[in-house]
Amino acid sequence: MVQQNVDISQEHREKAFSVTIRTPAGIPGEFHVRSDESVAHVAKIAVDHFVAHKQLEPGPYGLALIRDGKATDMLDSARLEDYSVVAGDVLALISKEPQADG
């Protein structure tokens, strides 16, 4: 797995935990997050990482929490704690672009 290395303060490190975030194509990455971070912030960090590694096309993305085989869309304005995200959880990037039938 890819680990997101970001220079963070000692306090942040103590409160941080790891989650897996997957691209729409299923490429996983491990990211250190805090429960008080916004969904939009975490999505941006993940998108920036995957785009920089050429594993994702730039664009608007949101996050979904994957539990028990079900995806729950997460509001950008919410915090991870609002969805009880914990260490080991899996989140998925989801495109906010309109889907074309074809």
C-alpha atoms as a PDB file:
ATOM      1  CA  MET A   1       0.000   0.000   0.000  1.00  0.00           C
ATOM      2  CA  VAL A   2       1.018   3.591  -0.547  1.00  0.00           C
ATOM      3  CA  GLN A   3       1.519   5.601   2.615  1.00  0.00           C
ATOM      4  CA  GLN A   4       0.754   9.302   2.607  1.00  0.00           C
ATOM      5  CA  ASN A   5       3.720  11.044   4.244  1.00  0.00           C
ATOM      6  CA  VAL A   6       2.825  14.518   5.396  1.00  0.00           C
ATOM      7  CA  ASP A   7       4.852  16.591   7.858  1.00  0.00           C
ATOM      8  CA  ILE A   8       2.484  16.863  10.789  1.00  0.00           C
ATOM      9  CA  SER A   9       2.856  18.102  14.354  1.00  0.00           C
ATOM     10  CA  GLN A  10       3.419  15.758  17.301  1.00  0.00           C
ATOM     11  CA  GLU A  11      -0.101  16.479  18.558  1.00  0.00           C
ATOM     12  CA  HIS A  12      -1.556  15.575  15.168  1.00  0.00           C
ATOM     13  CA  ARG A  13       0.472  12.332  15.073  1.00  0.00           C
ATOM     14  CA  GLU A  14      -0.857  11.316  18.476  1.00  0.00           C
ATOM     15  CA  LYS A  15      -4.469  11.721  17.329  1.00  0.00           C
ATOM     16  CA  ALA A  16      -3.950  10.349  13.824  1.00  0.00           C
ATOM     17  CA  PHE A  17      -4.953   6.885  12.687  1.00  0.00           C
ATOM     18  CA  SER A  18      -4.708   5.025   9.388  1.00  0.00           C
ATOM     19  CA  VAL A  19      -7.482   4.388   6.906  1.00  0.00           C
ATOM     20  CA  THR A  20      -7.408   2.974   3.408  1.00  0.00           C
ATOM     21  CA  ILE A  21      -8.705   5.214   0.648  1.00  0.00           C
ATOM     22  CA  ARG A  22      -9.375   3.698  -2.773  1.00  0.00           C
ATOM     23  CA  THR A  23      -9.665   5.345  -6.144  1.00  0.00           C
ATOM     24  CA  PRO A  24     -12.747   4.605  -8.280  1.00  0.00           C
ATOM     25  CA  ALA A  25     -10.541   2.017 -10.049  1.00  0.00           C
ATOM     26  CA  GLY A  26      -9.840   0.334  -6.699  1.00  0.00           C
ATOM     27  CA  ILE A  27      -6.222   1.446  -6.232  1.00  0.00           C
ATOM     28  CA  PRO A  28      -5.644   1.590  -2.462  1.00  0.00           C
ATOM     29  CA  GLY A  29      -3.561   3.990  -0.425  1.00  0.00           C
ATOM     30  CA  GLU A  30      -2.992   4.263   3.297  1.00  0.00           C
ATOM     31  CA  PHE A  31      -3.582   7.709   4.775  1.00  0.00           C
ATOM     32  CA  HIS A  32      -3.164   9.092   8.268  1.00  0.00           C
ATOM     33  CA  VAL A  33      -6.211  11.098   9.277  1.00  0.00           C
ATOM     34  CA  ARG A  34      -7.815  12.559  12.395  1.00  0.00           C
ATOM     35  CA  SER A  35     -11.451  12.169  13.318  1.00  0.00           C
ATOM     36  CA  ASP A  36     -11.895  15.951  13.514  1.00  0.00           C
ATOM     37  CA  GLU A  37     -10.835  16.491   9.880  1.00  0.00           C
ATOM     38  CA  SER A  38     -13.478  17.392   7.330  1.00  0.00           C
ATOM     39  CA  VAL A  39     -14.466  14.918   4.652  1.00  0.00           C
ATOM     40  CA  ALA A  40     -13.619  17.528   1.990  1.00  0.00           C
ATOM     41  CA  HIS A  41     -10.083  17.977   3.396  1.00  0.00           C
ATOM     42  CA  VAL A  42      -9.377  14.242   3.494  1.00  0.00           C
ATOM     43  CA  ALA A  43     -10.758  13.805  -0.032  1.00  0.00           C
ATOM     44  CA  LYS A  44      -8.519  16.620  -1.315  1.00  0.00           C
ATOM     45  CA  ILE A  45      -5.406  15.094   0.266  1.00  0.00           C
ATOM     46  CA  ALA A  46      -6.224  11.699  -1.259  1.00  0.00           C
ATOM     47  CA  VAL A  47      -7.023  13.139  -4.692  1.00  0.00           C
ATOM     48  CA  ASP A  48      -3.820  15.213  -4.708  1.00  0.00           C
ATOM     49  CA  HIS A  49      -1.796  12.115  -3.794  1.00  0.00           C
ATOM     50  CA  PHE A  50      -3.349   9.833  -6.409  1.00  0.00           C
ATOM     51  CA  VAL A  51      -3.181  12.499  -9.145  1.00  0.00           C
ATOM     52  CA  ALA A  52       0.498  13.165  -8.339  1.00  0.00           C
ATOM     53  CA  HIS A  53       1.182   9.426  -8.713  1.00  0.00           C
ATOM     54  CA  LYS A  54      -0.776   9.303 -11.985  1.00  0.00           C
ATOM     55  CA  GLN A  55      -3.299   6.886 -10.486  1.00  0.00           C
ATOM     56  CA  LEU A  56      -6.297   9.215 -10.825  1.00  0.00           C
ATOM     57  CA  GLU A  57      -7.490  11.897 -13.221  1.00  0.00           C
ATOM     58  CA  PRO A  58      -8.015  15.341 -11.692  1.00  0.00           C
ATOM     59  CA  GLY A  59     -11.588  16.298 -10.997  1.00  0.00           C
ATOM     60  CA  PRO A  60     -14.172  16.735  -8.276  1.00  0.00           C
ATOM     61  CA  TYR A  61     -14.372  13.782  -5.882  1.00  0.00           C
ATOM     62  CA  GLY A  62     -16.152  13.003  -2.656  1.00  0.00           C
ATOM     63  CA  LEU A  63     -15.794  10.135  -0.225  1.00  0.00           C
ATOM     64  CA  ALA A  64     -17.904   7.156   0.712  1.00  0.00           C
ATOM     65  CA  LEU A  65     -17.451   4.962   3.778  1.00  0.00           C
ATOM     66  CA  ILE A  66     -17.412   1.258   2.935  1.00  0.00           C
ATOM     67  CA  ARG A  67     -18.730  -1.011   5.707  1.00  0.00           C
ATOM     68  CA  ASP A  68     -20.279  -4.458   5.496  1.00  0.00           C
ATOM     69  CA  GLY A  69     -20.108  -4.269   1.707  1.00  0.00           C
ATOM     70  CA  LYS A  70     -22.232  -1.106   1.608  1.00  0.00           C
ATOM     71  CA  ALA A  71     -21.132   2.397   0.615  1.00  0.00           C
ATOM     72  CA  THR A  72     -22.385   5.419   2.535  1.00  0.00           C
ATOM     73  CA  ASP A  73     -21.818   8.747   0.782  1.00  0.00           C
ATOM     74  CA  MET A  74     -20.195  11.274   3.099  1.00  0.00           C
ATOM     75  CA  LEU A  75     -21.047  14.986   3.078  1.00  0.00           C
ATOM     76  CA  ASP A  76     -18.077  17.232   2.306  1.00  0.00           C
ATOM     77  CA  SER A  77     -18.975  19.537   5.190  1.00  0.00           C
ATOM     78  CA  ALA A  78     -19.058  16.695   7.730  1.00  0.00           C
ATOM     79  CA  ARG A  79     -16.145  15.491   9.808  1.00  0.00           C
ATOM     80  CA  LEU A  80     -14.877  11.909   9.858  1.00  0.00           C
ATOM     81  CA  GLU A  81     -16.135  11.582  13.441  1.00  0.00           C
ATOM     82  CA  ASP A  82     -19.679  12.256  12.188  1.00  0.00           C
ATOM     83  CA  TYR A  83     -19.463   8.875  10.428  1.00  0.00           C
ATOM     84  CA  SER A  84     -17.588   7.158  13.299  1.00  0.00           C
ATOM     85  CA  VAL A  85     -14.572   6.552  11.048  1.00  0.00           C
ATOM     86  CA  VAL A  86     -11.940   4.531  12.925  1.00  0.00           C
ATOM     87  CA  ALA A  87      -8.529   3.008  12.253  1.00  0.00           C
ATOM     88  CA  GLY A  88      -8.671   0.385   9.530  1.00  0.00           C
ATOM     89  CA  ASP A  89     -11.805   1.706   7.843  1.00  0.00           C
ATOM     90  CA  VAL A  90     -11.996   1.806   4.057  1.00  0.00           C
ATOM     91  CA  LEU A  91     -13.081   4.957   2.244  1.00  0.00           C
ATOM     92  CA  ALA A  92     -13.646   5.263  -1.483  1.00  0.00           C
ATOM     93  CA  LEU A  93     -13.247   8.290  -3.702  1.00  0.00           C
ATOM     94  CA  ILE A  94     -16.355   8.843  -5.784  1.00  0.00           C
ATOM     95  CA  SER A  95     -16.582  11.129  -8.783  1.00  0.00           C
ATOM     96  CA  LYS A  96     -18.897  14.100  -8.490  1.00  0.00           C
ATOM     97  CA  GLU A  97     -18.947  14.504 -12.294  1.00  0.00           C
ATOM     98  CA  PRO A  98     -22.282  13.756 -13.929  1.00  0.00           C
ATOM     99  CA  GLN A  99     -22.303  10.229 -15.290  1.00  0.00           C
ATOM    100  CA  ALA A 100     -23.098   9.915 -18.981  1.00  0.00           C
ATOM    101  CA  ASP A 101     -25.046   6.957 -20.275  1.00  0.00           C
ATOM    102  CA  GLY A 102     -23.606   5.477 -23.354  1.00  0.00           C
END
